[in-house]
Amino acid sequence: MTVAQKQVTIKKGQRFPLTIKRLGIDGEGVGFFKKQVVFVDGALPGEEVVCETVSVSSKFARAKLVKIRKSSPDRQKAPCPVYDRCGGCQLQHLSYEAQLREKQDLVRQSFERYTSIKTASLLKETIGMEHPWRYRNKGQMQAGMLNGHVIAGLYEKHSNRLLNIDACIVQHETIDHVTNEVKEAAEACGISIYHPKKHKGFLRTIVTRQGFHTNETQLVLVTASETFPEKEAFLSEIRSRLPNLTSIMQNINEKKTPLVFGEKTIPLAGETSIRETLSGNVFELSARAFFQLNPSQTIALYTEAIRAANLTGSENVVDAYCGTGTIGIWAAGQAHEVRGMDTVQDAISDAEHNACLNGLSNLSFETGRAEDVLPAWENDGWKADVIIVDPPRTGLADSLLKTLTKIKPKRLVYVSCNPSTLAKNAAVLAERGGYRLESLQPVDMFPHTAQVETVASFVQS
C-alpha cells in the first residue's frame, strides 16, 4: 500500500486548523480534516478555527474550539451568563436571523442525505419569533446542594455537575420566581435534597408550568418517596411565599433514573390542573400532561399543520400520537370528523376532557397504537382522508409506516421534531406508499437551540 493509499486518522488531543462548512444536528460546527468529519462545539459555518480533538471514532471526531482565526459575521456574544456551561441552549452565540437560516439548512441537509427527493422548490423559510426570549412555559429544575445551600438548575454540558440557575432567559419569568422561592423554602424547612449517586434524599426536581394566557401556575414537587417530611411546614412556607399558585402537586419517583417523573401524582394544594388558551381553544393541563413548550409558536405550528391538511369541512381526519388532543382540537372546526389515538391512557383522558371543554362533538379519542387502531376503523367502514402524525424524535415506527403505505390516506401531514427521521420516513413513504412530498415548512419552536420543527405535507401521487 502506498503512502497516498493509507487512511489518515485523527488522534485524540491533536490540534489542527479547520474550516467550518455547516451546522450539525446538535448545533455544533462541522468541518472535514483529511476527509474525516469533525464536530466542533461553538464553531459556526464559514469560520476558520483551530480545534483539538476530545474523542475519535471510526466515522467522526469531536473537538473543542481552541481559537477562532476568522470569525463569522453572524457570531454574537451570548446574553446568558452561564451559556458556556449550561447545556440548555446551543446557539445563543449565533444571530437569530442566522439561526433561522441554518435550521432551514438542517432540513435540507437531512433530505439530501437520506432521500433522492429534490426540495429546492418545496422547502420554505423558517417561521421564527418576533421576540425569541422568555418563550418556554415549563421549567424542570433539578434540586441539589452546593456549599450547604439548596440549588436548582440543569446539568453542565457533558457532565453530571449541577449548575445553579437563578434566571433562565428562555423561560417565563414566573418560572424563575417560583423555582427560587421553592429553593429558599426547602432550605428554611430543612427539606432533604435527593442525591442521584447515593439514591438518597427527598426533593428531586422542581417543575413549574405557566399559563401564558390564563396566568395560572402549577408547581410540581418531584420527590423520591411519598412520605413527606415536614409536609405542613414546607407547604405553608411555599404558600406564604407564592400565594398566587393555582396548583401544587407531588409526583413520586422512587427509581434510580434520569427520568424526571414517576407514575404516581397526588394533589397537595389548590387545583389538580391549570388551564391554557390558544387561539380560542381551551386546554386543561394535569401535572404530567404533554403540552407544547412555546405557546406563541404552537399557534404557528398548528396553523401550518391545518393549512397543510387542506381541509374543506368534509374530511375524516386522524390525529395520531394525539397526546392531550391539541392538533385534533385545532382541526375539528374545519373537518367532518376527527379521531385521535395515543398509547397513554392519561393522555386520552385529558384529550377527551379538552374536547368537552371546547364543546366539540365531532371529535373522539381511543387508547391504542395507530397501526392497530387504523385498520380496525377501516374494517368498521370508517376511512381516514387525512392523517396527521406528530411522532417523537425517533420518528414513525416501522409498523405504522407499513400501515400507512397499506391504507393510503389521500393526504398525510407529518409534524416532525427531528429532520433526520422525517427524511428517512419520507423516503419510505415515497418508495413504498406512492406519496409525493408537497411542501416542507420549518418552524422555530425553540429559539437558541439546535432543534427545529417541520410540517411536511404528503399527497398520493
Protein backbone atom coordinates (compact mmCIF):
# COMPACT_ATOMS: atom_id res chain seq x y z
CA MET A 1 0.00 0.00 0.00
CA THR A 2 1.41 3.39 -0.97
CA VAL A 3 1.58 6.35 1.37
CA ALA A 4 -1.22 8.03 -0.62
CA GLN A 5 -3.45 4.99 -0.13
CA LYS A 6 -3.01 4.83 3.65
CA GLN A 7 -6.00 6.03 5.62
CA VAL A 8 -5.19 9.19 7.54
CA THR A 9 -6.51 9.03 11.10
CA ILE A 10 -7.04 11.74 13.68
CA LYS A 11 -5.67 11.20 17.16
CA LYS A 12 -7.18 12.31 20.44
CA GLY A 13 -5.55 15.54 21.63
CA GLN A 14 -4.42 16.51 18.13
CA ARG A 15 -4.64 20.18 17.18
CA PHE A 16 -5.24 21.35 13.63
CA PRO A 17 -6.85 24.17 11.60
CA LEU A 18 -10.36 23.58 10.30
CA THR A 19 -12.83 25.41 8.07
CA ILE A 20 -16.42 25.02 9.27
CA LYS A 21 -18.80 24.13 6.44
CA ARG A 22 -22.17 23.84 8.16
CA LEU A 23 -24.02 23.25 11.42
CA GLY A 24 -24.65 19.74 12.72
CA ILE A 25 -27.93 18.40 14.03
CA ASP A 26 -26.90 19.23 17.63
CA GLY A 27 -25.72 22.76 16.81
CA GLU A 28 -22.01 22.03 16.53
CA GLY A 29 -19.82 23.25 13.67
CA VAL A 30 -18.96 20.61 11.06
CA GLY A 31 -15.71 20.52 9.09
CA PHE A 32 -13.55 17.99 7.28
CA PHE A 33 -9.93 17.17 8.11
CA LYS A 34 -8.17 14.72 5.79
CA LYS A 35 -11.65 13.67 4.55
CA GLN A 36 -12.82 12.84 8.08
CA VAL A 37 -15.82 14.57 9.66
CA VAL A 38 -15.04 16.73 12.69
CA PHE A 39 -17.69 18.21 15.02
CA VAL A 40 -16.63 21.33 16.95
CA ASP A 41 -18.82 22.73 19.74
CA GLY A 42 -19.21 26.51 19.47
CA ALA A 43 -17.89 26.86 15.91
CA LEU A 44 -20.05 28.46 13.19
CA PRO A 45 -20.36 27.98 9.41
CA GLY A 46 -17.78 29.97 7.46
CA GLU A 47 -15.35 30.23 10.36
CA GLU A 48 -11.70 29.21 10.23
CA VAL A 49 -10.71 27.77 13.59
CA VAL A 50 -8.07 25.82 15.43
CA CYS A 51 -9.54 22.86 17.30
CA GLU A 52 -8.36 19.98 19.47
CA THR A 53 -9.90 16.51 19.33
CA VAL A 54 -11.50 15.20 22.51
CA SER A 55 -12.81 11.90 21.11
CA VAL A 56 -12.33 9.89 17.93
CA SER A 57 -14.43 7.12 16.36
CA SER A 58 -14.24 5.29 13.06
CA LYS A 59 -16.77 7.67 11.48
CA PHE A 60 -16.05 11.07 13.01
CA ALA A 61 -14.15 13.05 15.61
CA ARG A 62 -15.34 15.54 18.22
CA ALA A 63 -13.19 18.53 19.04
CA LYS A 64 -13.15 21.58 21.27
CA LEU A 65 -12.69 25.08 19.95
CA VAL A 66 -9.21 26.45 20.74
CA LYS A 67 -9.01 29.59 18.62
CA ILE A 68 -11.05 31.43 16.00
CA ARG A 69 -8.84 32.65 13.17
CA LYS A 70 -11.67 34.01 11.04
CA SER A 71 -14.97 34.80 12.75
CA SER A 72 -18.43 34.52 11.20
CA PRO A 73 -20.25 37.83 10.68
CA ASP A 74 -23.22 36.12 12.35
CA ARG A 75 -21.34 35.47 15.61
CA GLN A 76 -22.57 37.41 18.63
CA LYS A 77 -22.00 37.47 22.38
CA ALA A 78 -24.40 35.12 24.13
CA PRO A 79 -26.59 37.14 26.55
CA CYS A 80 -26.89 34.31 29.10
CA PRO A 81 -24.16 34.49 31.77
CA VAL A 82 -23.92 30.68 32.08
CA TYR A 83 -24.36 29.87 28.38
CA ASP A 84 -20.88 28.38 28.02
CA ARG A 85 -21.59 25.92 30.83
CA CYS A 86 -25.31 25.17 30.59
CA GLY A 87 -26.43 22.55 28.11
CA GLY A 88 -29.91 24.00 27.59
CA CYS A 89 -29.16 26.23 24.59
CA GLN A 90 -26.67 25.65 21.78
CA LEU A 91 -26.98 28.69 19.50
CA GLN A 92 -27.08 31.87 21.58
CA HIS A 93 -23.73 32.84 20.00
CA LEU A 94 -25.41 32.89 16.56
CA SER A 95 -27.62 35.80 15.45
CA TYR A 96 -31.30 34.92 15.38
CA GLU A 97 -31.64 35.64 11.66
CA ALA A 98 -28.80 33.19 11.02
CA GLN A 99 -30.36 30.60 13.34
CA LEU A 100 -33.49 30.58 11.18
CA ARG A 101 -31.40 30.20 8.04
CA GLU A 102 -29.32 27.37 9.49
CA LYS A 103 -32.38 25.49 10.74
CA GLN A 104 -33.79 25.56 7.23
CA ASP A 105 -30.46 24.17 6.07
CA LEU A 106 -30.64 21.34 8.63
CA VAL A 107 -33.87 20.19 6.98
CA ARG A 108 -32.28 20.49 3.53
CA GLN A 109 -29.22 18.50 4.62
CA SER A 110 -31.36 15.68 6.00
CA PHE A 111 -33.28 15.25 2.77
CA GLU A 112 -30.09 15.39 0.71
CA ARG A 113 -28.50 12.74 2.91
CA TYR A 114 -31.37 10.27 3.28
CA THR A 115 -33.55 10.74 0.19
CA SER A 116 -33.46 11.43 -3.53
CA ILE A 117 -36.30 13.95 -3.12
CA LYS A 118 -35.50 17.39 -4.53
CA THR A 119 -36.52 20.04 -2.01
CA ALA A 120 -35.44 23.27 -3.75
CA SER A 121 -39.00 24.33 -4.62
CA LEU A 122 -40.62 22.69 -1.58
CA LEU A 123 -38.57 23.93 1.39
CA LYS A 124 -39.81 27.23 2.80
CA GLU A 125 -38.06 29.75 5.05
CA THR A 126 -38.20 29.01 8.77
CA ILE A 127 -41.02 30.69 10.66
CA GLY A 128 -39.38 32.49 13.57
CA MET A 129 -40.44 34.62 16.53
CA GLU A 130 -40.61 38.39 16.76
CA HIS A 131 -39.34 38.23 20.36
CA PRO A 132 -37.37 34.94 20.77
CA TRP A 133 -36.82 35.12 24.54
CA ARG A 134 -38.80 34.07 27.61
CA TYR A 135 -40.90 31.76 25.45
CA ARG A 136 -40.90 28.50 27.46
CA ASN A 137 -43.98 27.78 29.59
CA LYS A 138 -42.41 24.98 31.62
CA GLY A 139 -39.25 24.58 33.68
CA GLN A 140 -37.81 21.38 35.13
CA MET A 141 -35.01 22.26 37.53
CA GLN A 142 -33.09 19.51 39.31
CA ALA A 143 -32.56 20.12 43.02
CA GLY A 144 -29.12 19.81 44.59
CA MET A 145 -26.81 21.06 47.32
CA LEU A 146 -23.81 23.37 46.98
CA ASN A 147 -21.76 24.63 49.93
CA GLY A 148 -24.58 23.80 52.32
CA HIS A 149 -27.28 25.60 50.33
CA VAL A 150 -30.15 24.31 48.20
CA ILE A 151 -29.67 24.93 44.49
CA ALA A 152 -31.70 24.05 41.40
CA GLY A 153 -30.81 24.07 37.75
CA LEU A 154 -29.55 21.98 34.85
CA TYR A 155 -26.53 19.77 34.41
CA GLU A 156 -23.47 21.30 32.79
CA LYS A 157 -22.64 20.24 29.25
CA HIS A 158 -21.05 16.78 29.03
CA SER A 159 -21.00 16.33 32.81
CA ASN A 160 -23.05 15.32 35.85
CA ARG A 161 -22.30 18.58 37.68
CA LEU A 162 -25.45 20.50 38.58
CA LEU A 163 -25.38 24.17 37.58
CA ASN A 164 -27.45 26.50 39.75
CA ILE A 165 -29.66 28.72 37.57
CA ASP A 166 -31.41 31.65 39.22
CA ALA A 167 -32.67 33.09 35.91
CA CYS A 168 -33.18 31.38 32.55
CA ILE A 169 -33.83 33.92 29.79
CA VAL A 170 -35.74 31.47 27.59
CA GLN A 171 -38.27 30.70 30.35
CA HIS A 172 -41.23 32.76 31.53
CA GLU A 173 -40.15 34.98 34.44
CA THR A 174 -42.70 33.34 36.75
CA ILE A 175 -40.87 30.02 36.42
CA ASP A 176 -37.66 31.61 37.71
CA HIS A 177 -39.53 33.24 40.59
CA VAL A 178 -41.29 30.04 41.65
CA THR A 179 -38.11 27.95 41.44
CA ASN A 180 -36.11 30.40 43.53
CA GLU A 181 -38.80 30.68 46.21
CA VAL A 182 -39.12 26.88 46.46
CA LYS A 183 -35.33 26.58 46.88
CA GLU A 184 -35.42 29.05 49.75
CA ALA A 185 -38.48 27.40 51.30
CA ALA A 186 -36.80 23.98 51.15
CA GLU A 187 -33.72 25.35 52.85
CA ALA A 188 -35.75 27.17 55.51
CA CYS A 189 -37.68 23.99 56.34
CA GLY A 190 -34.68 21.67 56.25
CA ILE A 191 -36.04 19.54 53.41
CA SER A 192 -33.51 16.89 52.39
CA ILE A 193 -32.34 17.07 48.78
CA TYR A 194 -32.02 14.00 46.59
CA HIS A 195 -28.53 12.77 45.71
CA PRO A 196 -28.67 10.79 42.43
CA LYS A 197 -25.47 8.79 43.01
CA LYS A 198 -26.33 7.81 46.58
CA HIS A 199 -30.04 7.49 45.73
CA LYS A 200 -30.88 9.23 49.00
CA GLY A 201 -32.80 12.37 49.90
CA PHE A 202 -36.33 13.63 49.26
CA LEU A 203 -36.74 16.58 46.83
CA ARG A 204 -35.60 15.68 43.31
CA THR A 205 -36.99 18.21 40.84
CA ILE A 206 -38.91 21.49 40.88
CA VAL A 207 -41.32 21.58 37.91
CA THR A 208 -43.24 24.77 37.13
CA ARG A 209 -45.76 25.28 34.33
CA GLN A 210 -47.14 28.71 33.49
CA GLY A 211 -50.31 29.54 31.55
CA PHE A 212 -49.25 32.43 29.32
CA HIS A 213 -52.83 33.47 28.52
CA THR A 214 -54.57 32.47 31.76
CA ASN A 215 -51.77 33.41 34.18
CA GLU A 216 -52.39 30.17 36.08
CA THR A 217 -49.32 28.49 37.60
CA GLN A 218 -48.71 24.90 38.63
CA LEU A 219 -45.88 23.70 40.86
CA VAL A 220 -45.00 20.01 40.87
CA LEU A 221 -42.59 18.77 43.54
CA VAL A 222 -40.97 15.57 42.27
CA THR A 223 -39.89 13.55 45.30
CA ALA A 224 -38.03 10.30 45.91
CA SER A 225 -40.72 8.96 48.25
CA GLU A 226 -44.38 9.52 49.03
CA THR A 227 -43.71 10.04 52.72
CA PHE A 228 -43.35 13.81 53.04
CA PRO A 229 -41.21 15.03 55.97
CA GLU A 230 -42.10 18.49 57.27
CA LYS A 231 -45.01 18.50 54.82
CA GLU A 232 -47.24 21.06 56.52
CA ALA A 233 -44.37 23.42 57.33
CA PHE A 234 -43.00 23.22 53.77
CA LEU A 235 -46.40 23.77 52.14
CA SER A 236 -47.15 26.65 54.49
CA GLU A 237 -43.81 28.24 53.61
CA ILE A 238 -44.43 27.81 49.87
CA ARG A 239 -47.95 29.23 50.01
CA SER A 240 -46.74 32.16 52.09
CA ARG A 241 -44.05 32.96 49.52
CA LEU A 242 -46.19 32.09 46.47
CA PRO A 243 -49.83 32.91 47.29
CA ASN A 244 -50.88 33.02 43.62
CA LEU A 245 -50.08 29.40 42.78
CA THR A 246 -53.09 27.72 41.17
CA SER A 247 -51.96 24.15 41.80
CA ILE A 248 -49.39 22.35 43.95
CA MET A 249 -48.83 18.67 43.19
CA GLN A 250 -46.45 15.95 44.34
CA ASN A 251 -45.08 13.40 41.88
CA ILE A 252 -43.31 10.37 43.33
CA ASN A 253 -40.29 8.96 41.50
CA GLU A 254 -38.67 6.28 43.64
CA LYS A 255 -36.46 4.85 40.91
CA LYS A 256 -32.78 5.49 40.30
CA THR A 257 -33.30 7.01 36.88
CA PRO A 258 -32.59 10.21 34.93
CA LEU A 259 -36.29 10.42 34.03
CA VAL A 260 -38.00 13.30 35.81
CA PHE A 261 -41.45 11.91 36.54
CA GLY A 262 -42.67 8.80 38.30
CA GLU A 263 -46.04 7.15 37.75
CA LYS A 264 -47.92 8.46 40.79
CA THR A 265 -49.07 12.06 41.28
CA ILE A 266 -51.05 13.35 44.25
CA PRO A 267 -52.54 16.81 44.96
CA LEU A 268 -51.12 18.92 47.77
CA ALA A 269 -52.98 22.23 47.48
CA GLY A 270 -55.23 24.14 45.10
CA GLU A 271 -56.49 22.72 41.80
CA THR A 272 -55.24 19.49 40.26
CA SER A 273 -54.59 21.17 36.90
CA ILE A 274 -54.23 24.53 35.19
CA ARG A 275 -55.76 25.87 32.01
CA GLU A 276 -54.25 27.48 28.95
CA THR A 277 -55.96 29.01 25.92
CA LEU A 278 -54.57 29.15 22.39
CA SER A 279 -56.48 30.83 19.56
CA GLY A 280 -59.71 30.44 21.47
CA ASN A 281 -59.18 26.76 22.29
CA VAL A 282 -59.09 25.77 25.97
CA PHE A 283 -56.72 23.13 27.33
CA GLU A 284 -56.66 21.71 30.84
CA LEU A 285 -53.19 20.53 31.81
CA SER A 286 -52.54 17.98 34.52
CA ALA A 287 -49.11 17.59 36.11
CA ARG A 288 -47.73 15.10 33.57
CA ALA A 289 -49.76 16.17 30.54
CA PHE A 290 -47.77 16.85 27.38
CA PHE A 291 -48.22 20.35 26.00
CA GLN A 292 -46.04 22.28 23.58
CA LEU A 293 -43.47 24.40 25.44
CA ASN A 294 -43.75 27.53 23.29
CA PRO A 295 -47.35 28.83 23.21
CA SER A 296 -46.71 31.52 20.58
CA GLN A 297 -45.05 29.17 18.13
CA THR A 298 -47.54 26.40 18.88
CA ILE A 299 -50.15 28.57 17.20
CA ALA A 300 -47.84 28.98 14.19
CA LEU A 301 -47.03 25.25 14.08
CA TYR A 302 -50.63 24.03 14.28
CA THR A 303 -51.83 26.69 11.85
CA GLU A 304 -49.30 25.36 9.33
CA ALA A 305 -50.35 21.76 10.04
CA ILE A 306 -54.01 22.53 9.36
CA ARG A 307 -53.09 24.53 6.27
CA ALA A 308 -51.09 21.53 5.01
CA ALA A 309 -54.12 19.29 5.65
CA ASN A 310 -56.08 21.38 3.11
CA LEU A 311 -59.39 20.75 4.88
CA THR A 312 -62.71 21.68 3.29
CA GLY A 313 -65.05 20.53 6.07
CA SER A 314 -65.92 17.17 4.56
CA GLU A 315 -62.87 15.12 5.57
CA ASN A 316 -62.38 12.38 8.11
CA VAL A 317 -59.18 13.30 9.93
CA VAL A 318 -56.93 11.24 12.21
CA ASP A 319 -54.74 12.79 14.91
CA ALA A 320 -52.16 10.07 15.52
CA TYR A 321 -49.86 10.41 18.58
CA CYS A 322 -52.64 12.73 19.78
CA GLY A 323 -51.38 13.31 23.32
CA THR A 324 -53.84 15.67 25.03
CA GLY A 325 -55.67 16.24 21.74
CA THR A 326 -54.23 19.60 20.74
CA ILE A 327 -53.91 19.07 16.98
CA GLY A 328 -57.24 17.24 16.80
CA ILE A 329 -58.97 20.12 18.56
CA TRP A 330 -57.30 22.54 16.13
CA ALA A 331 -58.60 20.53 13.17
CA ALA A 332 -62.12 19.75 14.41
CA GLY A 333 -63.67 23.05 13.35
CA GLN A 334 -62.60 22.50 9.75
CA ALA A 335 -63.29 18.76 9.35
CA HIS A 336 -66.29 16.44 9.19
CA GLU A 337 -64.97 14.17 11.94
CA VAL A 338 -61.69 13.86 13.83
CA ARG A 339 -60.47 10.76 15.63
CA GLY A 340 -57.32 10.53 17.70
CA MET A 341 -55.33 7.81 19.39
CA ASP A 342 -52.45 7.50 21.82
CA THR A 343 -50.94 4.67 23.84
CA VAL A 344 -51.06 6.64 27.13
CA GLN A 345 -54.44 6.34 28.86
CA ASP A 346 -53.89 9.50 30.95
CA ALA A 347 -53.30 11.47 27.75
CA ILE A 348 -56.52 10.12 26.22
CA SER A 349 -58.45 11.10 29.35
CA ASP A 350 -57.03 14.63 29.09
CA ALA A 351 -57.85 14.74 25.37
CA GLU A 352 -61.46 13.71 25.97
CA HIS A 353 -61.80 16.32 28.71
CA ASN A 354 -60.28 19.02 26.48
CA ALA A 355 -62.72 18.13 23.67
CA CYS A 356 -65.60 18.61 26.11
CA LEU A 357 -64.18 21.92 27.33
CA ASN A 358 -64.24 23.18 23.75
CA GLY A 359 -67.74 21.85 23.02
CA LEU A 360 -66.60 19.62 20.15
CA SER A 361 -68.99 16.81 19.26
CA ASN A 362 -67.17 15.64 16.09
CA LEU A 363 -64.03 14.63 17.97
CA SER A 364 -63.29 11.34 19.74
CA PHE A 365 -60.24 9.52 21.10
CA GLU A 366 -59.15 5.93 21.64
CA THR A 367 -56.31 4.31 23.57
CA GLY A 368 -54.06 2.18 21.38
CA ARG A 369 -51.37 2.13 18.73
CA ALA A 370 -52.19 3.83 15.44
CA GLU A 371 -51.02 0.78 13.49
CA ASP A 372 -53.66 -1.30 15.32
CA VAL A 373 -56.48 1.23 15.57
CA LEU A 374 -56.43 2.49 11.96
CA PRO A 375 -57.06 -0.93 10.34
CA ALA A 376 -59.81 -1.65 12.91
CA TRP A 377 -61.58 1.58 11.98
CA GLU A 378 -61.29 0.71 8.30
CA ASN A 379 -62.77 -2.74 8.95
CA ASP A 380 -65.71 -0.97 10.59
CA GLY A 381 -66.19 1.14 7.46
CA TRP A 382 -64.56 4.38 8.65
CA LYS A 383 -61.71 5.55 6.40
CA ALA A 384 -59.38 8.48 7.02
CA ASP A 385 -59.00 11.09 4.28
CA VAL A 386 -56.21 12.93 6.12
CA ILE A 387 -53.86 11.60 8.78
CA ILE A 388 -51.80 13.98 10.91
CA VAL A 389 -48.84 12.45 12.73
CA ASP A 390 -46.72 14.14 15.40
CA PRO A 391 -44.26 11.43 16.50
CA PRO A 392 -41.34 11.61 18.97
CA ARG A 393 -37.78 12.25 17.77
CA THR A 394 -37.40 8.61 16.77
CA GLY A 395 -39.97 9.16 14.02
CA LEU A 396 -42.69 6.81 12.82
CA ALA A 397 -42.48 3.18 13.92
CA ASP A 398 -41.86 0.72 11.08
CA SER A 399 -45.18 -0.94 11.85
CA LEU A 400 -47.03 2.37 11.41
CA LEU A 401 -45.17 3.11 8.18
CA LYS A 402 -46.35 -0.27 6.85
CA THR A 403 -49.91 0.54 7.89
CA LEU A 404 -49.83 3.97 6.24
CA THR A 405 -48.45 2.58 2.98
CA LYS A 406 -51.22 -0.03 3.03
CA ILE A 407 -54.29 2.05 3.86
CA LYS A 408 -53.04 5.04 1.81
CA PRO A 409 -54.96 8.10 3.05
CA LYS A 410 -55.23 10.80 0.38
CA ARG A 411 -53.12 13.21 2.39
CA LEU A 412 -50.58 12.83 5.21
CA VAL A 413 -49.37 15.72 7.36
CA TYR A 414 -46.18 14.97 9.30
CA VAL A 415 -45.26 17.28 12.21
CA SER A 416 -41.62 16.48 12.91
CA CYS A 417 -39.21 17.44 15.69
CA ASN A 418 -36.25 15.67 14.03
CA PRO A 419 -35.38 16.37 10.37
CA SER A 420 -33.27 13.21 10.10
CA THR A 421 -36.09 10.81 10.99
CA LEU A 422 -38.52 12.88 8.93
CA ALA A 423 -36.31 12.46 5.86
CA LYS A 424 -35.86 8.73 6.45
CA ASN A 425 -39.61 8.26 6.82
CA ALA A 426 -40.27 10.42 3.76
CA ALA A 427 -38.10 8.12 1.66
CA VAL A 428 -40.16 5.10 2.75
CA LEU A 429 -43.47 6.88 2.14
CA ALA A 430 -42.36 7.83 -1.37
CA GLU A 431 -40.89 4.46 -2.32
CA ARG A 432 -43.44 2.12 -0.75
CA GLY A 433 -46.56 4.24 -0.35
CA GLY A 434 -46.61 6.23 -3.55
CA TYR A 435 -46.58 9.55 -1.69
CA ARG A 436 -45.34 12.79 -3.19
CA LEU A 437 -43.81 15.40 -0.90
CA GLU A 438 -45.75 18.62 -1.43
CA SER A 439 -44.15 21.07 0.99
CA LEU A 440 -41.72 21.47 3.90
CA GLN A 441 -42.30 24.26 6.41
CA PRO A 442 -39.71 24.62 9.22
CA VAL A 443 -40.95 26.31 12.40
CA ASP A 444 -38.61 27.56 15.13
CA MET A 445 -40.25 26.27 18.29
CA PHE A 446 -37.09 26.55 20.40
CA PRO A 447 -35.01 29.63 19.58
CA HIS A 448 -31.31 29.46 20.54
CA THR A 449 -31.33 25.66 20.48
CA ALA A 450 -30.45 23.36 17.58
CA GLN A 451 -33.97 21.91 17.44
CA VAL A 452 -36.30 22.62 14.53
CA GLU A 453 -39.88 21.51 13.92
CA THR A 454 -41.04 20.85 10.38
CA VAL A 455 -44.51 20.47 8.91
CA ALA A 456 -44.32 18.16 5.88
CA SER A 457 -47.25 17.63 3.54
CA PHE A 458 -47.58 14.41 1.51
CA VAL A 459 -50.22 13.55 -1.09
CA GLN A 460 -50.92 10.38 -3.05
CA SER A 461 -49.23 10.56 -6.46
